[in-house]
C-alpha atoms as a PDB file:
ATOM      1  CA  MET A   1       8.435  36.719  71.780  1.00  0.00           C
ATOM      2  CA  ILE A   2      12.220  36.618  72.098  1.00  0.00           C
ATOM      3  CA  LEU A   3      12.321  39.933  73.966  1.00  0.00           C
ATOM      4  CA  LEU A   4       9.554  38.804  76.295  1.00  0.00           C
ATOM      5  CA  ALA A   5      11.345  35.546  77.076  1.00  0.00           C
ATOM      6  CA  LEU A   6      14.575  37.433  77.762  1.00  0.00           C
ATOM      7  CA  SER A   7      12.757  39.848  80.083  1.00  0.00           C
ATOM      8  CA  LEU A   8      11.248  36.999  82.072  1.00  0.00           C
ATOM      9  CA  LEU A   9      14.619  35.298  82.336  1.00  0.00           C
ATOM     10  CA  LEU A  10      16.319  38.422  83.645  1.00  0.00           C
ATOM     11  CA  SER A  11      13.650  38.918  86.309  1.00  0.00           C
ATOM     12  CA  VAL A  12      14.200  35.506  87.914  1.00  0.00           C
ATOM     13  CA  GLU A  13      15.618  35.784  91.431  1.00  0.00           C
ATOM     14  CA  PRO A  14      18.929  33.925  91.977  1.00  0.00           C
ATOM     15  CA  GLN A  15      18.859  30.886  94.219  1.00  0.00           C
ATOM     16  CA  PRO A  16      19.897  31.754  97.805  1.00  0.00           C
ATOM     17  CA  LEU A  17      22.443  28.909  97.822  1.00  0.00           C
ATOM     18  CA  THR A  18      23.888  26.818  95.003  1.00  0.00           C
ATOM     19  CA  VAL A  19      26.436  24.027  95.493  1.00  0.00           C
ATOM     20  CA  THR A  20      28.142  22.874  92.315  1.00  0.00           C
ATOM     21  CA  LYS A  21      31.502  21.736  90.906  1.00  0.00           C
ATOM     22  CA  ILE A  22      34.202  23.280  88.766  1.00  0.00           C
ATOM     23  CA  ASP A  23      36.524  21.037  86.736  1.00  0.00           C
ATOM     24  CA  ASP A  24      39.898  22.780  86.610  1.00  0.00           C
ATOM     25  CA  GLY A  25      41.331  20.107  84.311  1.00  0.00           C
ATOM     26  CA  ASP A  26      44.129  17.586  84.836  1.00  0.00           C
ATOM     27  CA  GLY A  27      42.114  15.785  87.525  1.00  0.00           C
ATOM     28  CA  ILE A  28      41.397  18.754  89.792  1.00  0.00           C
ATOM     29  CA  VAL A  29      37.790  19.336  90.828  1.00  0.00           C
ATOM     30  CA  LYS A  30      36.525  22.056  93.151  1.00  0.00           C
ATOM     31  CA  ILE A  31      33.211  21.784  94.977  1.00  0.00           C
ATOM     32  CA  ILE A  32      31.969  25.344  95.490  1.00  0.00           C
ATOM     33  CA  ALA A  33      29.086  27.132  97.188  1.00  0.00           C
ATOM     34  CA  ILE A  34      27.544  30.269  95.677  1.00  0.00           C
ATOM     35  CA  ASN A  35      25.771  32.141  98.465  1.00  0.00           C
ATOM     36  CA  ASN A  36      23.443  34.882  97.204  1.00  0.00           C
ATOM     37  CA  ASN A  37      21.817  35.356 100.600  1.00  0.00           C
ATOM     38  CA  TYR A  38      22.578  38.065 103.164  1.00  0.00           C
ATOM     39  CA  CYS A  39      23.460  35.493 105.803  1.00  0.00           C
ATOM     40  CA  ASP A  40      26.134  32.791 106.029  1.00  0.00           C
ATOM     41  CA  TYR A  41      25.310  29.126 105.420  1.00  0.00           C
ATOM     42  CA  SER A  42      26.963  26.168 107.149  1.00  0.00           C
ATOM     43  CA  ILE A  43      27.533  23.253 104.774  1.00  0.00           C
ATOM     44  CA  GLU A  44      28.634  19.730 105.659  1.00  0.00           C
ATOM     45  CA  VAL A  45      30.268  18.178 102.616  1.00  0.00           C
ATOM     46  CA  SER A  46      31.356  14.558 102.124  1.00  0.00           C
ATOM     47  CA  ALA A  47      32.586  12.571  99.122  1.00  0.00           C
ATOM     48  CA  GLU A  48      33.336   9.119  97.780  1.00  0.00           C
ATOM     49  CA  TYR A  49      36.304   8.935  95.414  1.00  0.00           C
ATOM     50  CA  GLU A  50      38.884   6.688  93.757  1.00  0.00           C
ATOM     51  CA  ASN A  51      42.436   7.723  92.794  1.00  0.00           C
ATOM     52  CA  MET A  52      41.778  11.190  94.241  1.00  0.00           C
ATOM     53  CA  GLU A  53      42.379  12.948  97.530  1.00  0.00           C
ATOM     54  CA  PRO A  54      40.694  15.936  99.163  1.00  0.00           C
ATOM     55  CA  ASP A  55      42.629  18.953 100.419  1.00  0.00           C
ATOM     56  CA  ILE A  56      40.844  18.660 103.804  1.00  0.00           C
ATOM     57  CA  PRO A  57      39.648  15.652 105.844  1.00  0.00           C
ATOM     58  CA  LEU A  58      36.067  14.712 104.963  1.00  0.00           C
ATOM     59  CA  PRO A  59      33.323  14.959 106.028  1.00  0.00           C
ATOM     60  CA  ALA A  60      33.825  18.607 106.955  1.00  0.00           C
ATOM     61  CA  VAL A  61      31.661  21.577 107.870  1.00  0.00           C
ATOM     62  CA  ARG A  62      32.474  24.661 105.838  1.00  0.00           C
ATOM     63  CA  ILE A  63      31.089  28.183 106.094  1.00  0.00           C
ATOM     64  CA  ALA A  64      29.769  29.799 102.913  1.00  0.00           C
ATOM     65  CA  LYS A  65      29.948  33.523 103.580  1.00  0.00           C
ATOM     66  CA  ALA A  66      27.065  35.822 102.682  1.00  0.00           C
ATOM     67  CA  GLN A  67      27.120  37.263  99.167  1.00  0.00           C
ATOM     68  CA  ASP A  68      30.234  35.277  98.263  1.00  0.00           C
ATOM     69  CA  THR A  69      31.545  32.164  96.519  1.00  0.00           C
ATOM     70  CA  THR A  70      33.388  29.652  98.697  1.00  0.00           C
ATOM     71  CA  VAL A  71      35.502  26.638  97.741  1.00  0.00           C
ATOM     72  CA  LEU A  72      34.276  23.866 100.026  1.00  0.00           C
ATOM     73  CA  VAL A  73      36.784  21.190  99.049  1.00  0.00           C
ATOM     74  CA  THR A  74      39.255  20.480  96.239  1.00  0.00           C
ATOM     75  CA  LEU A  75      39.657  16.907  94.960  1.00  0.00           C
ATOM     76  CA  SER A  76      42.887  16.161  93.091  1.00  0.00           C
ATOM     77  CA  ARG A  77      43.892  13.105  91.075  1.00  0.00           C
ATOM     78  CA  LYS A  78      46.765  11.263  92.740  1.00  0.00           C
ATOM     79  CA  ARG A  79      48.289   9.741  89.590  1.00  0.00           C
ATOM     80  CA  ARG A  80      47.606   9.501  85.892  1.00  0.00           C
ATOM     81  CA  ALA A  81      44.991   6.802  85.918  1.00  0.00           C
ATOM     82  CA  SER A  82      41.235   6.639  85.839  1.00  0.00           C
ATOM     83  CA  TRP A  83      39.506   8.490  88.649  1.00  0.00           C
ATOM     84  CA  ARG A  84      35.986   9.120  89.864  1.00  0.00           C
ATOM     85  CA  TYR A  85      34.167  10.934  92.646  1.00  0.00           C
ATOM     86  CA  LYS A  86      30.713  11.593  94.047  1.00  0.00           C
ATOM     87  CA  TYR A  87      29.918  14.275  96.597  1.00  0.00           C
ATOM     88  CA  LYS A  88      27.040  14.948  98.982  1.00  0.00           C
ATOM     89  CA  TYR A  89      26.185  17.903 101.156  1.00  0.00           C
ATOM     90  CA  ARG A  90      23.655  19.209 103.630  1.00  0.00           C
ATOM     91  CA  TYR A  91      23.311  22.735 104.913  1.00  0.00           C
ATOM     92  CA  VAL A  92      21.688  25.022 107.451  1.00  0.00           C
ATOM     93  CA  LEU A  93      21.056  28.750 107.336  1.00  0.00           C
ATOM     94  CA  GLY A  94      23.530  30.559 109.580  1.00  0.00           C
ATOM     95  CA  ASN A  95      27.090  30.194 110.846  1.00  0.00           C
ATOM     96  CA  VAL A  96      27.331  27.286 113.301  1.00  0.00           C
ATOM     97  CA  GLU A  97      30.931  28.167 114.172  1.00  0.00           C
ATOM     98  CA  GLU A  98      30.416  31.800 115.145  1.00  0.00           C
ATOM     99  CA  ALA A  99      26.782  32.224 116.236  1.00  0.00           C
ATOM    100  CA  GLU A 100      26.670  33.011 119.958  1.00  0.00           C
ATOM    101  CA  HIS A 101      23.735  34.836 121.506  1.00  0.00           C
ATOM    102  CA  ASP A 102      24.418  38.134 123.258  1.00  0.00           C
ATOM    103  CA  ASP A 103      22.484  37.638 126.498  1.00  0.00           C
ATOM    104  CA  ASN A 104      22.759  41.348 127.290  1.00  0.00           C
ATOM    105  CA  VAL A 105      20.363  42.177 124.457  1.00  0.00           C
ATOM    106  CA  VAL A 106      16.888  43.257 125.525  1.00  0.00           C
ATOM    107  CA  TYR A 107      14.204  42.666 122.883  1.00  0.00           C
ATOM    108  CA  LEU A 108      11.159  44.767 122.129  1.00  0.00           C
ATOM    109  CA  LEU A 109       7.815  43.012 122.191  1.00  0.00           C
ATOM    110  CA  PRO A 110       7.056  42.152 118.544  1.00  0.00           C
ATOM    111  CA  TYR A 111       4.087  44.530 118.324  1.00  0.00           C
ATOM    112  CA  ASP A 112       3.270  48.162 119.050  1.00  0.00           C
ATOM    113  CA  LYS A 113       4.019  49.216 122.636  1.00  0.00           C
ATOM    114  CA  SER A 114       0.511  50.671 122.985  1.00  0.00           C
ATOM    115  CA  GLU A 115      -1.023  47.194 122.539  1.00  0.00           C
ATOM    116  CA  THR A 116      -1.393  44.316 125.019  1.00  0.00           C
ATOM    117  CA  TYR A 117      -1.611  40.619 124.109  1.00  0.00           C
ATOM    118  CA  ARG A 118      -1.779  37.392 126.079  1.00  0.00           C
ATOM    119  CA  LEU A 119       1.099  34.941 125.908  1.00  0.00           C
ATOM    120  CA  PHE A 120      -0.946  31.768 125.607  1.00  0.00           C
ATOM    121  CA  GLN A 121       2.040  29.453 125.084  1.00  0.00           C
ATOM    122  CA  GLY A 122       5.547  30.050 126.381  1.00  0.00           C
ATOM    123  CA  TYR A 123       8.807  28.128 126.711  1.00  0.00           C
ATOM    124  CA  ASN A 124       8.279  24.350 126.646  1.00  0.00           C
ATOM    125  CA  GLY A 125       4.550  24.901 126.206  1.00  0.00           C
ATOM    126  CA  PRO A 126       2.385  21.763 126.244  1.00  0.00           C
ATOM    127  CA  PHE A 127       0.812  22.108 122.798  1.00  0.00           C
ATOM    128  CA  SER A 128       3.648  22.593 120.300  1.00  0.00           C
ATOM    129  CA  HIS A 129       6.614  24.026 122.256  1.00  0.00           C
ATOM    130  CA  ASN A 130       7.825  20.872 123.955  1.00  0.00           C
ATOM    131  CA  GLY A 131      11.611  21.245 124.162  1.00  0.00           C
ATOM    132  CA  LYS A 132      11.460  24.693 122.515  1.00  0.00           C
ATOM    133  CA  LYS A 133      11.937  28.187 123.886  1.00  0.00           C
ATOM    134  CA  ALA A 134       9.276  29.851 121.769  1.00  0.00           C
ATOM    135  CA  LEU A 135       6.471  32.347 122.420  1.00  0.00           C
ATOM    136  CA  ASP A 136       2.905  32.476 121.062  1.00  0.00           C
ATOM    137  CA  PHE A 137       0.930  35.713 121.354  1.00  0.00           C
ATOM    138  CA  VAL A 138      -2.834  35.663 120.747  1.00  0.00           C
ATOM    139  CA  MET A 139      -3.769  38.434 118.293  1.00  0.00           C
ATOM    140  CA  ASP A 140      -6.242  39.076 115.488  1.00  0.00           C
ATOM    141  CA  VAL A 141      -5.328  38.435 111.865  1.00  0.00           C
ATOM    142  CA  GLY A 142      -3.800  41.555 110.365  1.00  0.00           C
ATOM    143  CA  THR A 143      -2.204  42.899 113.551  1.00  0.00           C
ATOM    144  CA  PRO A 144       0.973  44.861 112.686  1.00  0.00           C
ATOM    145  CA  ILE A 145       4.157  43.051 113.714  1.00  0.00           C
ATOM    146  CA  GLN A 146       7.359  44.920 114.526  1.00  0.00           C
ATOM    147  CA  ALA A 147      10.993  43.842 114.642  1.00  0.00           C
ATOM    148  CA  ALA A 148      12.024  42.865 118.160  1.00  0.00           C
ATOM    149  CA  ARG A 149      15.702  43.481 117.387  1.00  0.00           C
ATOM    150  CA  ASP A 150      17.914  44.992 114.679  1.00  0.00           C
ATOM    151  CA  GLY A 151      18.843  42.629 111.869  1.00  0.00           C
ATOM    152  CA  VAL A 152      18.667  41.719 108.200  1.00  0.00           C
ATOM    153  CA  VAL A 153      15.869  39.807 106.454  1.00  0.00           C
ATOM    154  CA  VAL A 154      17.267  36.490 105.192  1.00  0.00           C
ATOM    155  CA  ARG A 155      14.205  34.360 104.423  1.00  0.00           C
ATOM    156  CA  LEU A 156      10.465  34.851 104.040  1.00  0.00           C
ATOM    157  CA  ARG A 157       7.222  33.396 102.781  1.00  0.00           C
ATOM    158  CA  GLU A 158       3.837  35.074 102.271  1.00  0.00           C
ATOM    159  CA  ASP A 159       2.002  33.094  99.548  1.00  0.00           C
ATOM    160  CA  SER A 160       0.072  30.682 101.759  1.00  0.00           C
ATOM    161  CA  ASN A 161      -3.580  31.017 102.744  1.00  0.00           C
ATOM    162  CA  LYS A 162      -3.828  27.652 104.475  1.00  0.00           C
ATOM    163  CA  GLY A 163      -3.841  26.798 108.158  1.00  0.00           C
ATOM    164  CA  CYS A 164      -5.335  24.152 110.447  1.00  0.00           C
ATOM    165  CA  GLU A 165      -5.071  22.713 113.960  1.00  0.00           C
ATOM    166  CA  ASP A 166      -3.179  19.638 112.755  1.00  0.00           C
ATOM    167  CA  GLU A 167       0.594  19.298 112.388  1.00  0.00           C
ATOM    168  CA  SER A 168       0.021  18.345 108.749  1.00  0.00           C
ATOM    169  CA  CYS A 169      -0.430  22.078 108.050  1.00  0.00           C
ATOM    170  CA  LYS A 170       2.995  22.958 109.460  1.00  0.00           C
ATOM    171  CA  GLU A 171       4.531  23.472 106.022  1.00  0.00           C
ATOM    172  CA  PHE A 172       1.961  26.127 105.060  1.00  0.00           C
ATOM    173  CA  ALA A 173       3.012  28.820 107.528  1.00  0.00           C
ATOM    174  CA  ASN A 174       3.986  32.253 106.239  1.00  0.00           C
ATOM    175  CA  TYR A 175       7.003  33.656 108.037  1.00  0.00           C
ATOM    176  CA  LEU A 176       9.946  36.021 108.327  1.00  0.00           C
ATOM    177  CA  LEU A 177      13.490  35.125 109.384  1.00  0.00           C
ATOM    178  CA  ILE A 178      15.736  37.968 110.547  1.00  0.00           C
ATOM    179  CA  ALA A 179      19.448  37.413 111.263  1.00  0.00           C
ATOM    180  CA  HIS A 180      21.145  39.347 114.063  1.00  0.00           C
ATOM    181  CA  ASP A 181      24.723  40.560 114.266  1.00  0.00           C
ATOM    182  CA  ASP A 182      25.646  37.827 116.777  1.00  0.00           C
ATOM    183  CA  GLY A 183      24.661  35.107 114.291  1.00  0.00           C
ATOM    184  CA  THR A 184      21.339  34.199 115.912  1.00  0.00           C
ATOM    185  CA  ILE A 185      18.115  34.243 113.902  1.00  0.00           C
ATOM    186  CA  ALA A 186      14.593  35.345 114.885  1.00  0.00           C
ATOM    187  CA  LYS A 187      11.469  33.653 113.549  1.00  0.00           C
ATOM    188  CA  TYR A 188       8.144  35.419 113.105  1.00  0.00           C
ATOM    189  CA  PHE A 189       5.606  32.735 112.101  1.00  0.00           C
ATOM    190  CA  HIS A 190       1.945  32.306 111.008  1.00  0.00           C
ATOM    191  CA  LEU A 191       1.777  35.626 109.131  1.00  0.00           C
ATOM    192  CA  LYS A 192      -1.239  36.314 106.933  1.00  0.00           C
ATOM    193  CA  GLU A 193      -1.214  35.830 103.172  1.00  0.00           C
ATOM    194  CA  ASN A 194       0.686  38.733 101.574  1.00  0.00           C
ATOM    195  CA  GLY A 195       1.453  39.874 105.096  1.00  0.00           C
ATOM    196  CA  VAL A 196       5.209  40.433 104.756  1.00  0.00           C
ATOM    197  CA  LEU A 197       6.117  44.121 104.564  1.00  0.00           C
ATOM    198  CA  VAL A 198       9.871  43.792 103.957  1.00  0.00           C
ATOM    199  CA  SER A 199      12.127  42.100 101.390  1.00  0.00           C
ATOM    200  CA  ILE A 200      15.091  39.746 101.613  1.00  0.00           C
ATOM    201  CA  GLY A 201      18.222  41.795 102.213  1.00  0.00           C
ATOM    202  CA  ASP A 202      16.406  44.621 103.984  1.00  0.00           C
ATOM    203  CA  LYS A 203      18.066  45.907 107.131  1.00  0.00           C
ATOM    204  CA  VAL A 204      15.520  46.488 109.867  1.00  0.00           C
ATOM    205  CA  SER A 205      15.738  48.297 113.189  1.00  0.00           C
ATOM    206  CA  LYS A 206      13.854  47.198 116.271  1.00  0.00           C
ATOM    207  CA  GLY A 207      10.429  48.776 116.219  1.00  0.00           C
ATOM    208  CA  ASP A 208      10.151  48.753 112.412  1.00  0.00           C
ATOM    209  CA  LYS A 209       6.874  47.368 111.081  1.00  0.00           C
ATOM    210  CA  ILE A 210       7.760  44.152 109.233  1.00  0.00           C
ATOM    211  CA  GLY A 211       4.561  42.164 108.763  1.00  0.00           C
ATOM    212  CA  LEU A 212       0.960  41.354 109.622  1.00  0.00           C
ATOM    213  CA  SER A 213      -0.038  38.505 111.921  1.00  0.00           C
ATOM    214  CA  GLY A 214      -2.178  35.667 110.639  1.00  0.00           C
ATOM    215  CA  ASN A 215      -3.340  32.110 111.123  1.00  0.00           C
ATOM    216  CA  THR A 216      -1.390  30.116 108.525  1.00  0.00           C
ATOM    217  CA  GLY A 217       0.340  26.795 109.050  1.00  0.00           C
ATOM    218  CA  TRP A 218      -0.100  24.632 112.150  1.00  0.00           C
ATOM    219  CA  SER A 219      -2.254  26.935 114.246  1.00  0.00           C
ATOM    220  CA  THR A 220      -5.224  26.585 116.594  1.00  0.00           C
ATOM    221  CA  GLY A 221      -6.177  30.227 116.104  1.00  0.00           C
ATOM    222  CA  PRO A 222      -4.832  33.625 115.041  1.00  0.00           C
ATOM    223  CA  HIS A 223      -1.516  34.331 116.772  1.00  0.00           C
ATOM    224  CA  LEU A 224       2.130  35.255 116.326  1.00  0.00           C
ATOM    225  CA  HIS A 225       4.865  32.715 117.013  1.00  0.00           C
ATOM    226  CA  PHE A 226       8.222  34.272 117.956  1.00  0.00           C
ATOM    227  CA  GLU A 227      11.529  32.609 118.756  1.00  0.00           C
ATOM    228  CA  VAL A 228      15.255  33.217 118.533  1.00  0.00           C
ATOM    229  CA  TYR A 229      17.604  30.348 117.728  1.00  0.00           C
ATOM    230  CA  ARG A 230      21.252  29.548 117.268  1.00  0.00           C
ATOM    231  CA  PRO A 231      21.925  27.450 114.129  1.00  0.00           C
ATOM    232  CA  ARG A 232      23.347  23.963 114.594  1.00  0.00           C
ATOM    233  CA  MET A 233      24.047  21.243 112.041  1.00  0.00           C
ATOM    234  CA  ASP A 234      21.879  18.841 114.056  1.00  0.00           C
ATOM    235  CA  GLY A 235      19.008  21.273 114.614  1.00  0.00           C
ATOM    236  CA  GLU A 236      18.100  24.728 115.850  1.00  0.00           C
ATOM    237  CA  GLU A 237      18.878  25.613 119.455  1.00  0.00           C
ATOM    238  CA  THR A 238      16.128  27.948 120.668  1.00  0.00           C
ATOM    239  CA  LEU A 239      17.193  30.539 123.232  1.00  0.00           C
ATOM    240  CA  SER A 240      15.846  32.454 126.197  1.00  0.00           C
ATOM    241  CA  THR A 241      15.356  36.140 125.414  1.00  0.00           C
ATOM    242  CA  TYR A 242      14.722  39.102 127.704  1.00  0.00           C
ATOM    243  CA  PHE A 243      12.107  41.715 126.816  1.00  0.00           C
ATOM    244  CA  ALA A 244      11.335  45.279 127.782  1.00  0.00           C
ATOM    245  CA  THR A 245       7.652  45.573 128.807  1.00  0.00           C
ATOM    246  CA  LYS A 246       5.402  48.259 130.236  1.00  0.00           C
ATOM    247  CA  ASP A 247       6.237  47.029 133.729  1.00  0.00           C
ATOM    248  CA  ALA A 248       9.888  45.975 133.491  1.00  0.00           C
ATOM    249  CA  ASP A 249      13.068  46.939 131.664  1.00  0.00           C
ATOM    250  CA  LYS A 250      14.308  43.355 131.336  1.00  0.00           C
ATOM    251  CA  VAL A 251      12.162  40.305 131.961  1.00  0.00           C
ATOM    252  CA  LEU A 252      11.542  36.752 130.782  1.00  0.00           C
ATOM    253  CA  LEU A 253       7.929  36.411 129.647  1.00  0.00           C
ATOM    254  CA  ILE A 254       5.608  34.041 131.518  1.00  0.00           C
ATOM    255  CA  GLU A 255       2.953  31.893 129.869  1.00  0.00           C
ATOM    256  CA  GLY A 256      -0.591  33.044 130.557  1.00  0.00           C
ATOM    257  CA  LYS A 257       0.262  36.662 131.326  1.00  0.00           C
ATOM    258  CA  LYS A 258      -0.578  39.719 129.239  1.00  0.00           C
ATOM    259  CA  TYR A 259       2.163  42.062 128.025  1.00  0.00           C
END
């Protein structure tokens, strides 16, 4: 029983991001971020304190580098008297200071070049893309999905088998998030249950098979949702992306057309 418990404990995956504190003694406290992911996180940290002072003005946005431990802020006691503190934080996946889309990049369509699918909802589409630059391709459940651009897998889900036409199902979507070398992140959404073919930390090249399309989450029918965004503390900024198609080397896709 002891050996079994130890084996189960050792197999637990580390949390992608942990924010905690270290008491260095003599009234010095460090708030740190432990980033086990393969992508940076941006963390806004703030604090309330008495008889202490931070080493940087708060609130502040700090970058927790991938696969690293970062000191977000150090609080130090000002004099030998009672002291107290309380900190808060919020975070987003990605580096809000450095992410900047390379508009010269041309993406592959996120499926095999021998196939053709209709783009039934494009940028600012009337159903669910209002204010978003996102693309929805109609395709049967189980269609192989390929990486549209080189990157590294930084987040995924594949355990859901639920989907419906109502926004209440939004949280049940299976997905893949792939970070690019310019700091932007691609989303591949509505994948089928157990339809992710890569793991977190995998480096993928454009054209690699990464998943299987599905109908999970907020979805009116089987399709693939694709978008590229730049991380921001106040929300994701979706971006226009050029694609290579059978008819053009570099084009913006148009709603209603087949590619």
